[in-house]
C-alpha atoms as a PDB file:
ATOM      1  CA  MET A   1      -0.112   0.071  -0.100  1.00  0.00           C
ATOM      2  CA  ASP A   2       1.360   3.301  -1.004  1.00  0.00           C
ATOM      3  CA  HIS A   3       1.817   6.218   1.529  1.00  0.00           C
ATOM      4  CA  ALA A   4       2.508   9.742   0.777  1.00  0.00           C
ATOM      5  CA  VAL A   5       5.558  10.851   2.647  1.00  0.00           C
ATOM      6  CA  ALA A   6       6.210  14.477   3.338  1.00  0.00           C
ATOM      7  CA  ALA A   7       9.403  15.908   1.945  1.00  0.00           C
ATOM      8  CA  ALA A   8      10.890  16.652   5.330  1.00  0.00           C
ATOM      9  CA  ASP A   9      10.425  13.021   6.554  1.00  0.00           C
ATOM     10  CA  TRP A  10      12.154  11.571   3.449  1.00  0.00           C
ATOM     11  CA  ALA A  11      15.020  14.098   3.789  1.00  0.00           C
ATOM     12  CA  SER A  12      15.376  12.757   7.410  1.00  0.00           C
ATOM     13  CA  VAL A  13      15.603   9.029   5.942  1.00  0.00           C
ATOM     14  CA  LEU A  14      18.022  10.276   3.414  1.00  0.00           C
ATOM     15  CA  HIS A  15      20.235  11.690   6.181  1.00  0.00           C
ATOM     16  CA  PHE A  16      20.742   8.107   7.188  1.00  0.00           C
ATOM     17  CA  VAL A  17      21.870   6.860   3.974  1.00  0.00           C
ATOM     18  CA  ALA A  18      23.647   9.752   2.318  1.00  0.00           C
ATOM     19  CA  ASP A  19      27.276   9.572   1.303  1.00  0.00           C
ATOM     20  CA  ASP A  20      29.762  11.316   3.337  1.00  0.00           C
ATOM     21  CA  ASP A  21      31.497  12.726   0.063  1.00  0.00           C
ATOM     22  CA  ASP A  22      30.419  16.236  -0.485  1.00  0.00           C
ATOM     23  CA  ASN A  23      30.947  15.961  -3.994  1.00  0.00           C
ATOM     24  CA  VAL A  24      27.980  13.449  -4.533  1.00  0.00           C
ATOM     25  CA  PRO A  25      25.224  15.644  -6.194  1.00  0.00           C
ATOM     26  CA  ALA A  26      21.869  15.908  -4.284  1.00  0.00           C
ATOM     27  CA  PRO A  27      19.114  13.887  -5.778  1.00  0.00           C
ATOM     28  CA  SER A  28      17.021  15.941  -7.872  1.00  0.00           C
ATOM     29  CA  GLN A  29      13.728  14.930  -6.612  1.00  0.00           C
ATOM     30  CA  ILE A  30      12.452  13.098  -3.278  1.00  0.00           C
ATOM     31  CA  PRO A  31      12.488   9.508  -3.838  1.00  0.00           C
ATOM     32  CA  THR A  32       9.206   7.693  -3.790  1.00  0.00           C
ATOM     33  CA  PRO A  33       9.156   4.140  -2.573  1.00  0.00           C
ATOM     34  CA  PRO A  34       7.522   1.554  -5.095  1.00  0.00           C
ATOM     35  CA  LEU A  35       4.333  -0.337  -4.279  1.00  0.00           C
ATOM     36  CA  SER A  36       4.732  -3.147  -1.803  1.00  0.00           C
ATOM     37  CA  ASN A  37       3.789  -6.616  -2.917  1.00  0.00           C
ATOM     38  CA  ASP A  38       2.752 -10.027  -1.913  1.00  0.00           C
ATOM     39  CA  GLY A  39       2.293  -8.982   1.749  1.00  0.00           C
ATOM     40  CA  THR A  40       5.578  -7.839   2.480  1.00  0.00           C
ATOM     41  CA  PRO A  41       5.909  -5.220   5.136  1.00  0.00           C
ATOM     42  CA  LEU A  42       8.609  -3.368   3.262  1.00  0.00           C
ATOM     43  CA  LEU A  43       8.832  -0.909   0.553  1.00  0.00           C
ATOM     44  CA  LYS A  44      11.648  -2.330  -1.860  1.00  0.00           C
ATOM     45  CA  ASP A  45      13.150  -1.534  -5.190  1.00  0.00           C
ATOM     46  CA  SER A  46      13.889  -4.358  -7.612  1.00  0.00           C
ATOM     47  CA  ASN A  47      16.316  -2.316  -9.418  1.00  0.00           C
ATOM     48  CA  PRO A  48      20.189  -2.279  -8.275  1.00  0.00           C
ATOM     49  CA  PRO A  49      20.997  -0.751  -5.178  1.00  0.00           C
ATOM     50  CA  ASP A  50      20.759   3.133  -5.034  1.00  0.00           C
ATOM     51  CA  PRO A  51      22.190   5.130  -2.259  1.00  0.00           C
ATOM     52  CA  THR A  52      19.040   7.415  -2.320  1.00  0.00           C
ATOM     53  CA  LEU A  53      16.561   4.689  -2.022  1.00  0.00           C
ATOM     54  CA  VAL A  54      15.755   2.990   1.210  1.00  0.00           C
ATOM     55  CA  SER A  55      13.411   0.394   2.727  1.00  0.00           C
ATOM     56  CA  VAL A  56      10.842   1.715   5.097  1.00  0.00           C
ATOM     57  CA  SER A  57       7.979  -0.207   6.832  1.00  0.00           C
ATOM     58  CA  THR A  58       4.641   0.332   5.165  1.00  0.00           C
ATOM     59  CA  THR A  59       3.076   0.632   8.771  1.00  0.00           C
ATOM     60  CA  PHE A  60       5.657   2.376  10.764  1.00  0.00           C
ATOM     61  CA  TYR A  61       6.792   5.231   8.450  1.00  0.00           C
ATOM     62  CA  PRO A  62       7.657   8.574   9.188  1.00  0.00           C
ATOM     63  CA  GLY A  63       4.066   9.925   8.227  1.00  0.00           C
ATOM     64  CA  ALA A  64       1.902   7.326   9.782  1.00  0.00           C
ATOM     65  CA  GLN A  65      -0.492   8.578  12.255  1.00  0.00           C
ATOM     66  CA  LEU A  66      -0.299   5.696  14.723  1.00  0.00           C
ATOM     67  CA  GLN A  67      -0.267   8.096  17.757  1.00  0.00           C
ATOM     68  CA  SER A  68      -1.188  11.724  18.455  1.00  0.00           C
ATOM     69  CA  VAL A  69       2.519  12.457  18.630  1.00  0.00           C
ATOM     70  CA  LEU A  70       5.166  11.907  16.029  1.00  0.00           C
ATOM     71  CA  PRO A  71       7.646   8.983  16.156  1.00  0.00           C
ATOM     72  CA  ASP A  72      10.705   9.759  18.178  1.00  0.00           C
ATOM     73  CA  ILE A  73      12.593   6.572  17.576  1.00  0.00           C
ATOM     74  CA  VAL A  74      13.819   4.926  14.533  1.00  0.00           C
ATOM     75  CA  PHE A  75      14.681   1.157  14.487  1.00  0.00           C
ATOM     76  CA  LEU A  76      16.846  -0.353  11.691  1.00  0.00           C
ATOM     77  CA  SER A  77      16.463  -4.141  11.186  1.00  0.00           C
ATOM     78  CA  SER A  78      19.064  -6.444  10.352  1.00  0.00           C
ATOM     79  CA  ASP A  79      18.101  -6.448   6.740  1.00  0.00           C
ATOM     80  CA  ALA A  80      18.082  -2.671   6.447  1.00  0.00           C
ATOM     81  CA  VAL A  81      14.415  -1.863   6.852  1.00  0.00           C
ATOM     82  CA  PHE A  82      13.565   1.452   8.832  1.00  0.00           C
ATOM     83  CA  PHE A  83      10.800   1.428  11.421  1.00  0.00           C
ATOM     84  CA  TYR A  84       9.477   4.765  12.942  1.00  0.00           C
ATOM     85  CA  VAL A  85       8.238   4.173  16.403  1.00  0.00           C
ATOM     86  CA  HIS A  86       7.260   5.885  19.675  1.00  0.00           C
ATOM     87  CA  SER A  87       9.405   5.534  22.619  1.00  0.00           C
ATOM     88  CA  HIS A  88       6.525   5.760  25.282  1.00  0.00           C
ATOM     89  CA  ARG A  89       4.941   2.757  23.765  1.00  0.00           C
ATOM     90  CA  LEU A  90       8.153   0.658  23.708  1.00  0.00           C
ATOM     91  CA  PHE A  91       8.803   1.698  27.355  1.00  0.00           C
ATOM     92  CA  GLN A  92       5.422   0.784  28.363  1.00  0.00           C
ATOM     93  CA  ALA A  93       5.580  -2.623  26.639  1.00  0.00           C
ATOM     94  CA  SER A  94       9.222  -3.690  27.484  1.00  0.00           C
ATOM     95  CA  SER A  95      10.534  -4.250  30.845  1.00  0.00           C
ATOM     96  CA  ASN A  96      14.163  -4.159  29.837  1.00  0.00           C
ATOM     97  CA  ALA A  97      14.136  -0.893  27.545  1.00  0.00           C
ATOM     98  CA  PHE A  98      13.895  -3.136  24.280  1.00  0.00           C
ATOM     99  CA  HIS A  99      16.831  -5.252  25.411  1.00  0.00           C
ATOM    100  CA  SER A 100      18.615  -1.837  26.603  1.00  0.00           C
ATOM    101  CA  LEU A 101      18.363  -0.460  23.031  1.00  0.00           C
ATOM    102  CA  LEU A 102      16.393   2.567  23.977  1.00  0.00           C
ATOM    103  CA  PRO A 103      18.160   5.593  25.201  1.00  0.00           C
ATOM    104  CA  ALA A 104      17.177   6.869  28.823  1.00  0.00           C
ATOM    105  CA  GLN A 105      15.356   9.759  26.815  1.00  0.00           C
ATOM    106  CA  ALA A 106      14.492   9.810  23.172  1.00  0.00           C
ATOM    107  CA  LYS A 107      16.126  12.625  21.337  1.00  0.00           C
ATOM    108  CA  ASP A 108      15.168  12.869  17.680  1.00  0.00           C
ATOM    109  CA  THR A 109      14.891  10.845  14.675  1.00  0.00           C
ATOM    110  CA  ASP A 110      18.501  11.563  13.718  1.00  0.00           C
ATOM    111  CA  SER A 111      19.638   8.727  15.755  1.00  0.00           C
ATOM    112  CA  VAL A 112      19.131   5.227  14.310  1.00  0.00           C
ATOM    113  CA  ILE A 113      18.837   2.251  16.631  1.00  0.00           C
ATOM    114  CA  ASP A 114      20.196  -0.987  15.082  1.00  0.00           C
ATOM    115  CA  VAL A 115      17.854  -3.892  16.150  1.00  0.00           C
ATOM    116  CA  PRO A 116      19.365  -7.352  15.796  1.00  0.00           C
ATOM    117  CA  GLU A 117      16.216  -8.763  14.085  1.00  0.00           C
ATOM    118  CA  VAL A 118      14.909  -9.392  10.614  1.00  0.00           C
ATOM    119  CA  SER A 119      12.263  -7.120   9.420  1.00  0.00           C
ATOM    120  CA  ALA A 120       9.571  -9.774   8.903  1.00  0.00           C
ATOM    121  CA  VAL A 121       9.916 -10.632  12.726  1.00  0.00           C
ATOM    122  CA  LEU A 122      10.314  -7.111  13.930  1.00  0.00           C
ATOM    123  CA  ASN A 123       7.343  -6.036  12.180  1.00  0.00           C
ATOM    124  CA  ILE A 124       5.251  -8.750  14.086  1.00  0.00           C
ATOM    125  CA  ILE A 125       6.809  -7.695  17.439  1.00  0.00           C
ATOM    126  CA  LEU A 126       5.879  -3.983  16.846  1.00  0.00           C
ATOM    127  CA  HIS A 127       2.308  -4.814  15.927  1.00  0.00           C
ATOM    128  CA  VAL A 128       2.072  -6.628  19.052  1.00  0.00           C
ATOM    129  CA  ILE A 129       3.288  -3.605  21.114  1.00  0.00           C
ATOM    130  CA  TYR A 130       0.895  -1.417  19.194  1.00  0.00           C
ATOM    131  CA  ASP A 131      -1.783  -4.149  19.483  1.00  0.00           C
ATOM    132  CA  MET A 132      -2.549  -4.021  15.661  1.00  0.00           C
ATOM    133  CA  SER A 133      -3.090  -6.884  13.162  1.00  0.00           C
ATOM    134  CA  CYS A 134      -0.338  -7.795  10.972  1.00  0.00           C
ATOM    135  CA  ALA A 135      -2.506 -10.532   9.226  1.00  0.00           C
ATOM    136  CA  HIS A 136      -2.464  -8.368   5.905  1.00  0.00           C
ATOM    137  CA  TYR A 137       1.242  -9.133   5.715  1.00  0.00           C
ATOM    138  CA  SER A 138       0.397 -12.918   5.854  1.00  0.00           C
ATOM    139  CA  PRO A 139       3.440 -13.770   8.064  1.00  0.00           C
ATOM    140  CA  SER A 140       4.397 -17.362   7.944  1.00  0.00           C
ATOM    141  CA  PHE A 141       3.867 -19.796  11.015  1.00  0.00           C
ATOM    142  CA  SER A 142       7.645 -20.058  11.422  1.00  0.00           C
ATOM    143  CA  GLN A 143       7.795 -16.097  11.592  1.00  0.00           C
ATOM    144  CA  LEU A 144       5.086 -15.959  14.132  1.00  0.00           C
ATOM    145  CA  VAL A 145       6.880 -18.501  16.389  1.00  0.00           C
ATOM    146  CA  SER A 146      10.169 -16.552  15.980  1.00  0.00           C
ATOM    147  CA  ALA A 147       8.405 -13.399  16.975  1.00  0.00           C
ATOM    148  CA  VAL A 148       6.821 -15.226  20.106  1.00  0.00           C
ATOM    149  CA  LYS A 149      10.318 -16.629  20.938  1.00  0.00           C
ATOM    150  CA  ARG A 150      11.854 -13.102  20.689  1.00  0.00           C
ATOM    151  CA  LEU A 151       9.356 -11.199  22.687  1.00  0.00           C
ATOM    152  CA  SER A 152      11.017 -12.114  25.989  1.00  0.00           C
ATOM    153  CA  TYR A 153      14.253 -10.893  24.551  1.00  0.00           C
ATOM    154  CA  PHE A 154      12.892  -7.617  24.052  1.00  0.00           C
ATOM    155  CA  GLY A 155      11.510  -7.303  27.544  1.00  0.00           C
ATOM    156  CA  ILE A 156       7.808  -8.282  26.515  1.00  0.00           C
ATOM    157  CA  ASP A 157       5.825 -10.619  28.471  1.00  0.00           C
ATOM    158  CA  PRO A 158       4.343 -13.351  25.922  1.00  0.00           C
ATOM    159  CA  LYS A 159       1.875 -14.690  28.536  1.00  0.00           C
ATOM    160  CA  SER A 160       0.235 -11.050  29.119  1.00  0.00           C
ATOM    161  CA  SER A 161       0.543 -10.055  25.376  1.00  0.00           C
ATOM    162  CA  ILE A 162      -1.048 -13.255  23.606  1.00  0.00           C
ATOM    163  CA  ILE A 163      -4.464 -13.370  25.081  1.00  0.00           C
ATOM    164  CA  PRO A 164      -7.730 -13.780  23.788  1.00  0.00           C
ATOM    165  CA  ASN A 165      -9.296 -10.925  21.771  1.00  0.00           C
ATOM    166  CA  THR A 166      -5.775  -9.709  20.837  1.00  0.00           C
ATOM    167  CA  HIS A 167      -4.833  -9.606  17.151  1.00  0.00           C
ATOM    168  CA  ILE A 168      -1.696 -11.711  17.609  1.00  0.00           C
ATOM    169  CA  TYR A 169      -3.765 -14.294  19.523  1.00  0.00           C
ATOM    170  CA  SER A 170      -6.239 -14.546  16.556  1.00  0.00           C
ATOM    171  CA  LEU A 171      -3.508 -14.678  13.989  1.00  0.00           C
ATOM    172  CA  ILE A 172      -1.611 -17.623  15.798  1.00  0.00           C
ATOM    173  CA  LEU A 173      -4.606 -19.557  16.558  1.00  0.00           C
ATOM    174  CA  SER A 174      -5.609 -19.475  12.898  1.00  0.00           C
ATOM    175  CA  HIS A 175      -2.754 -22.065  12.408  1.00  0.00           C
ATOM    176  CA  ALA A 176      -4.146 -24.560  14.832  1.00  0.00           C
ATOM    177  CA  PRO A 177      -5.921 -26.759  12.220  1.00  0.00           C
ATOM    178  CA  LEU A 178      -2.776 -27.529  10.332  1.00  0.00           C
ATOM    179  CA  ARG A 179      -0.144 -27.029  13.007  1.00  0.00           C
ATOM    180  CA  PRO A 180      -1.944 -28.160  16.122  1.00  0.00           C
ATOM    181  CA  LEU A 181       0.991 -30.060  17.671  1.00  0.00           C
ATOM    182  CA  GLU A 182       3.701 -27.374  17.067  1.00  0.00           C
ATOM    183  CA  LEU A 183       1.297 -24.663  18.457  1.00  0.00           C
ATOM    184  CA  TYR A 184       0.274 -26.578  21.425  1.00  0.00           C
ATOM    185  CA  THR A 185       3.962 -27.005  22.271  1.00  0.00           C
ATOM    186  CA  LEU A 186       4.597 -23.319  21.495  1.00  0.00           C
ATOM    187  CA  SER A 187       1.885 -22.544  23.947  1.00  0.00           C
ATOM    188  CA  ALA A 188       3.055 -24.984  26.669  1.00  0.00           C
ATOM    189  CA  ASN A 189       6.572 -23.490  26.494  1.00  0.00           C
ATOM    190  CA  TYR A 190       5.289 -20.015  27.455  1.00  0.00           C
ATOM    191  CA  ASP A 191       2.273 -21.038  29.447  1.00  0.00           C
ATOM    192  CA  LEU A 192      -0.174 -19.569  27.036  1.00  0.00           C
ATOM    193  CA  TYR A 193      -3.068 -21.357  28.779  1.00  0.00           C
ATOM    194  CA  ASP A 194      -5.874 -19.962  26.543  1.00  0.00           C
ATOM    195  CA  LEU A 195      -4.073 -20.596  23.347  1.00  0.00           C
ATOM    196  CA  ALA A 196      -3.300 -24.121  24.366  1.00  0.00           C
ATOM    197  CA  VAL A 197      -6.800 -24.880  25.384  1.00  0.00           C
ATOM    198  CA  ALA A 198      -8.236 -23.405  22.075  1.00  0.00           C
ATOM    199  CA  THR A 199      -5.586 -25.506  20.270  1.00  0.00           C
ATOM    200  CA  SER A 200      -6.009 -28.875  22.120  1.00  0.00           C
ATOM    201  CA  SER A 201      -9.419 -29.516  20.445  1.00  0.00           C
ATOM    202  CA  HIS A 202      -7.371 -29.839  17.097  1.00  0.00           C
ATOM    203  CA  LEU A 203      -5.309 -32.704  18.754  1.00  0.00           C
ATOM    204  CA  LEU A 204      -8.189 -35.057  19.315  1.00  0.00           C
ATOM    205  CA  SER A 205      -7.296 -37.170  16.368  1.00  0.00           C
ATOM    206  CA  PHE A 206      -3.632 -37.058  17.151  1.00  0.00           C
ATOM    207  CA  PRO A 207      -2.355 -40.532  18.275  1.00  0.00           C
ATOM    208  CA  LEU A 208      -0.738 -40.327  21.356  1.00  0.00           C
ATOM    209  CA  SER A 209       1.412 -43.404  20.765  1.00  0.00           C
ATOM    210  CA  SER A 210       3.158 -41.497  17.981  1.00  0.00           C
ATOM    211  CA  LEU A 211       4.613 -38.926  20.487  1.00  0.00           C
ATOM    212  CA  THR A 212       8.467 -39.142  20.639  1.00  0.00           C
ATOM    213  CA  ASP A 213      10.735 -38.528  23.645  1.00  0.00           C
ATOM    214  CA  GLU A 214      11.675 -35.195  22.022  1.00  0.00           C
ATOM    215  CA  MET A 215       8.038 -34.098  21.522  1.00  0.00           C
ATOM    216  CA  ALA A 216       7.061 -34.904  25.014  1.00  0.00           C
ATOM    217  CA  GLN A 217      10.195 -33.041  26.289  1.00  0.00           C
ATOM    218  CA  ALA A 218       9.336 -30.050  24.277  1.00  0.00           C
ATOM    219  CA  ILE A 219       5.899 -29.938  25.468  1.00  0.00           C
ATOM    220  CA  GLY A 220       6.726 -30.232  29.078  1.00  0.00           C
ATOM    221  CA  ALA A 221       5.069 -32.234  31.954  1.00  0.00           C
ATOM    222  CA  VAL A 222       1.999 -30.200  32.747  1.00  0.00           C
ATOM    223  CA  TYR A 223       0.803 -29.597  29.442  1.00  0.00           C
ATOM    224  CA  LEU A 224       1.581 -33.140  28.399  1.00  0.00           C
ATOM    225  CA  LYS A 225      -0.570 -34.401  31.384  1.00  0.00           C
ATOM    226  CA  ARG A 226      -3.441 -32.176  30.178  1.00  0.00           C
ATOM    227  CA  LEU A 227      -3.250 -33.574  26.742  1.00  0.00           C
ATOM    228  CA  PHE A 228      -3.367 -37.241  27.869  1.00  0.00           C
ATOM    229  CA  PHE A 229      -6.177 -36.410  30.447  1.00  0.00           C
ATOM    230  CA  LEU A 230      -8.200 -34.895  27.628  1.00  0.00           C
ATOM    231  CA  HIS A 231      -7.889 -37.941  25.394  1.00  0.00           C
ATOM    232  CA  PHE A 232      -8.489 -40.415  28.274  1.00  0.00           C
ATOM    233  CA  GLY A 233     -11.263 -38.394  29.622  1.00  0.00           C
ATOM    234  CA  ARG A 234     -13.125 -38.413  26.539  1.00  0.00           C
ATOM    235  CA  SER A 235     -12.613 -42.206  25.991  1.00  0.00           C
ATOM    236  CA  ASP A 236     -13.742 -42.936  29.418  1.00  0.00           C
ATOM    237  CA  ALA A 237     -16.907 -40.576  29.016  1.00  0.00           C
ATOM    238  CA  LEU A 238     -17.812 -42.313  25.805  1.00  0.00           C
ATOM    239  CA  LYS A 239     -17.608 -45.822  27.466  1.00  0.00           C
ATOM    240  CA  ARG A 240     -19.877 -44.298  30.320  1.00  0.00           C
ATOM    241  CA  ILE A 241     -22.605 -42.743  28.184  1.00  0.00           C
ATOM    242  CA  LEU A 242     -22.897 -45.895  26.056  1.00  0.00           C
ATOM    243  CA  LEU A 243     -23.483 -48.049  29.034  1.00  0.00           C
ATOM    244  CA  SER A 244     -27.060 -47.570  29.453  1.00  0.00           C
ATOM    245  CA  PRO A 245     -29.448 -49.373  26.941  1.00  0.00           C
ATOM    246  CA  PRO A 246     -32.772 -47.923  25.632  1.00  0.00           C
ATOM    247  CA  HIS A 247     -35.365 -47.409  28.303  1.00  0.00           C
ATOM    248  CA  PRO A 248     -37.892 -50.349  28.188  1.00  0.00           C
ATOM    249  CA  HIS A 249     -41.465 -49.522  27.473  1.00  0.00           C
ATOM    250  CA  PRO A 250     -44.339 -51.033  29.123  1.00  0.00           C
ATOM    251  CA  PRO A 251     -45.115 -54.488  27.879  1.00  0.00           C
ATOM    252  CA  THR A 252     -47.680 -54.879  25.199  1.00  0.00           C
ATOM    253  CA  PRO A 253     -49.531 -58.054  23.895  1.00  0.00           C
ATOM    254  CA  SER A 254     -46.906 -58.055  21.050  1.00  0.00           C
ATOM    255  CA  CYS A 255     -43.682 -57.113  22.925  1.00  0.00           C
ATOM    256  CA  ASP A 256     -43.185 -58.113  26.515  1.00  0.00           C
ATOM    257  CA  PHE A 257     -40.243 -57.563  28.536  1.00  0.00           C
ATOM    258  CA  SER A 258     -38.538 -60.772  27.316  1.00  0.00           C
ATOM    259  CA  ASP A 259     -38.892 -59.410  23.733  1.00  0.00           C
ATOM    260  CA  GLN A 260     -37.386 -56.192  24.533  1.00  0.00           C
ATOM    261  CA  LYS A 261     -34.198 -58.081  25.722  1.00  0.00           C
ATOM    262  CA  LYS A 262     -33.403 -58.529  22.036  1.00  0.00           C
ATOM    263  CA  LEU A 263     -32.957 -54.823  21.777  1.00  0.00           C
ATOM    264  CA  THR A 264     -30.819 -54.614  25.011  1.00  0.00           C
ATOM    265  CA  ARG A 265     -28.491 -57.254  23.672  1.00  0.00           C
ATOM    266  CA  ALA A 266     -28.198 -55.710  20.307  1.00  0.00           C
ATOM    267  CA  TRP A 267     -27.454 -52.251  22.079  1.00  0.00           C
ATOM    268  CA  ALA A 268     -24.876 -53.902  24.221  1.00  0.00           C
ATOM    269  CA  LEU A 269     -22.944 -55.315  21.083  1.00  0.00           C
ATOM    270  CA  ALA A 270     -23.173 -52.129  19.125  1.00  0.00           C
ATOM    271  CA  SER A 271     -22.054 -50.019  21.947  1.00  0.00           C
ATOM    272  CA  ALA A 272     -19.240 -52.459  22.788  1.00  0.00           C
ATOM    273  CA  TYR A 273     -17.937 -52.153  19.126  1.00  0.00           C
ATOM    274  CA  LEU A 274     -17.852 -48.228  19.743  1.00  0.00           C
ATOM    275  CA  ALA A 275     -16.441 -48.394  23.155  1.00  0.00           C
ATOM    276  CA  TRP A 276     -13.599 -50.934  22.008  1.00  0.00           C
ATOM    277  CA  ASP A 277     -12.400 -48.410  19.450  1.00  0.00           C
ATOM    278  CA  ALA A 278     -13.255 -45.375  21.486  1.00  0.00           C
ATOM    279  CA  ARG A 279     -11.434 -42.451  19.911  1.00  0.00           C
ATOM    280  CA  PRO A 280     -11.443 -39.024  21.464  1.00  0.00           C
ATOM    281  CA  ASP A 281     -12.454 -37.643  17.887  1.00  0.00           C
ATOM    282  CA  LEU A 282     -15.464 -39.855  17.392  1.00  0.00           C
ATOM    283  CA  SER A 283     -17.929 -37.996  15.426  1.00  0.00           C
ATOM    284  CA  THR A 284     -21.710 -38.016  16.236  1.00  0.00           C
ATOM    285  CA  SER A 285     -22.372 -39.140  12.634  1.00  0.00           C
ATOM    286  CA  THR A 286     -20.137 -42.165  13.217  1.00  0.00           C
ATOM    287  CA  MET A 287     -22.029 -43.000  16.460  1.00  0.00           C
ATOM    288  CA  GLU A 288     -25.339 -42.706  14.621  1.00  0.00           C
ATOM    289  CA  SER A 289     -24.463 -44.877  11.786  1.00  0.00           C
ATOM    290  CA  ALA A 290     -23.315 -47.546  14.234  1.00  0.00           C
ATOM    291  CA  LEU A 291     -26.580 -47.551  16.012  1.00  0.00           C
ATOM    292  CA  ARG A 292     -29.326 -46.457  13.694  1.00  0.00           C
ATOM    293  CA  PRO A 293     -29.084 -49.961  11.864  1.00  0.00           C
ATOM    294  CA  LEU A 294     -30.498 -51.612  14.871  1.00  0.00           C
ATOM    295  CA  GLU A 295     -33.844 -50.239  14.120  1.00  0.00           C
ATOM    296  CA  GLU A 296     -34.022 -52.255  11.009  1.00  0.00           C
ATOM    297  CA  HIS A 297     -34.294 -55.420  13.098  1.00  0.00           C
ATOM    298  CA  LEU A 298     -37.290 -54.183  15.325  1.00  0.00           C
ATOM    299  CA  VAL A 299     -40.716 -54.761  14.705  1.00  0.00           C
ATOM    300  CA  CYS A 300     -42.371 -53.126  17.731  1.00  0.00           C
ATOM    301  CA  GLU A 301     -43.055 -49.333  17.125  1.00  0.00           C
ATOM    302  CA  ASP A 302     -42.404 -48.562  20.817  1.00  0.00           C
ATOM    303  CA  CYS A 303     -39.195 -50.228  20.801  1.00  0.00           C
ATOM    304  CA  LYS A 304     -38.145 -48.095  17.773  1.00  0.00           C
ATOM    305  CA  ALA A 305     -39.392 -44.917  19.455  1.00  0.00           C
ATOM    306  CA  ALA A 306     -37.217 -45.914  22.731  1.00  0.00           C
ATOM    307  CA  LEU A 307     -34.140 -46.602  20.470  1.00  0.00           C
ATOM    308  CA  GLN A 308     -34.467 -43.348  18.641  1.00  0.00           C
ATOM    309  CA  THR A 309     -34.882 -41.282  22.079  1.00  0.00           C
ATOM    310  CA  ARG A 310     -31.807 -43.206  23.448  1.00  0.00           C
ATOM    311  CA  ILE A 311     -29.559 -42.235  20.335  1.00  0.00           C
ATOM    312  CA  ARG A 312     -30.762 -38.617  20.368  1.00  0.00           C
ATOM    313  CA  THR A 313     -29.887 -38.485  24.092  1.00  0.00           C
ATOM    314  CA  LEU A 314     -26.433 -40.269  23.373  1.00  0.00           C
ATOM    315  CA  VAL A 315     -25.592 -37.505  20.863  1.00  0.00           C
ATOM    316  CA  VAL A 316     -26.501 -34.665  22.940  1.00  0.00           C
ATOM    317  CA  GLN A 317     -24.351 -36.139  25.829  1.00  0.00           C
ATOM    318  CA  TRP A 318     -21.490 -36.821  23.539  1.00  0.00           C
ATOM    319  CA  ALA A 319     -21.542 -33.336  22.366  1.00  0.00           C
ATOM    320  CA  MET A 320     -21.270 -31.947  25.927  1.00  0.00           C
ATOM    321  CA  VAL A 321     -18.287 -33.800  26.723  1.00  0.00           C
ATOM    322  CA  LYS A 322     -15.429 -31.248  27.053  1.00  0.00           C
ATOM    323  CA  VAL A 323     -13.225 -31.378  23.797  1.00  0.00           C
ATOM    324  CA  ARG A 324     -10.392 -28.968  25.244  1.00  0.00           C
ATOM    325  CA  ALA A 325      -7.774 -29.674  27.578  1.00  0.00           C
ATOM    326  CA  ILE A 326      -7.931 -27.963  31.184  1.00  0.00           C
END
């Protein structure tokens, strides 16, 4: 996205990259950064390097009105991208003055602070500080993980920053369907409880027997126990709710209690089949497909009604069983 940048602001940028040689002629016009593309947070030129062209963040640029006051700090990432930010936001978010990079008192934008971080990761970190969404940059999962791991380095507490209803929380959670184990491990490492709980529902189909020692060690004892208890708890709950057969109806001339025992035995066999392979991710449709055929062998309409009622109750009970780790 293009941004109109004031001449004075770009003159300030040029000050950082100008050649010390007085004989170098001044540029005939103020350089205009090209369009950003493909979600990159940078304004880059595809032509050969030019000392009068620089890469500036498309969010944290000199003319961005992110605060009521102008930026007073300039960060330069390790891949030479400028970020114009506000010292008061950084001091509020960081407990170590951004790893002691911030001066005791911000002076002006003539001082550039080199930050040992690539622009893609630094961009995410700054969006966390400003509580803004960086989803339009389409950061990869690995970049998000790197940003979370670097938060502590810059004095930012991940546990208090990555919470529900924040942009970074929603963005990271969007990767749960495809990267559930990696995301659960990341949440466990930084005790991101809410994120771990939301992610755990995507691990119901994960076979715990495939966990390696390295995976278990990476997750840690506490969150590994919660994951195991989630799986075992749902399996036990399934066996428990399957135990009760359909409620018998009052005896009739065509169907007495002895006749109704056929339904009880058939229910026991079908439920035993489900309980034997009790998977924590068992769907209600699978459950119904295993129990509905029992009706085909019934003649009594009262028995059919009792079976239908029991299946509906079973589906509701299974839907109420927790699907997230606690």
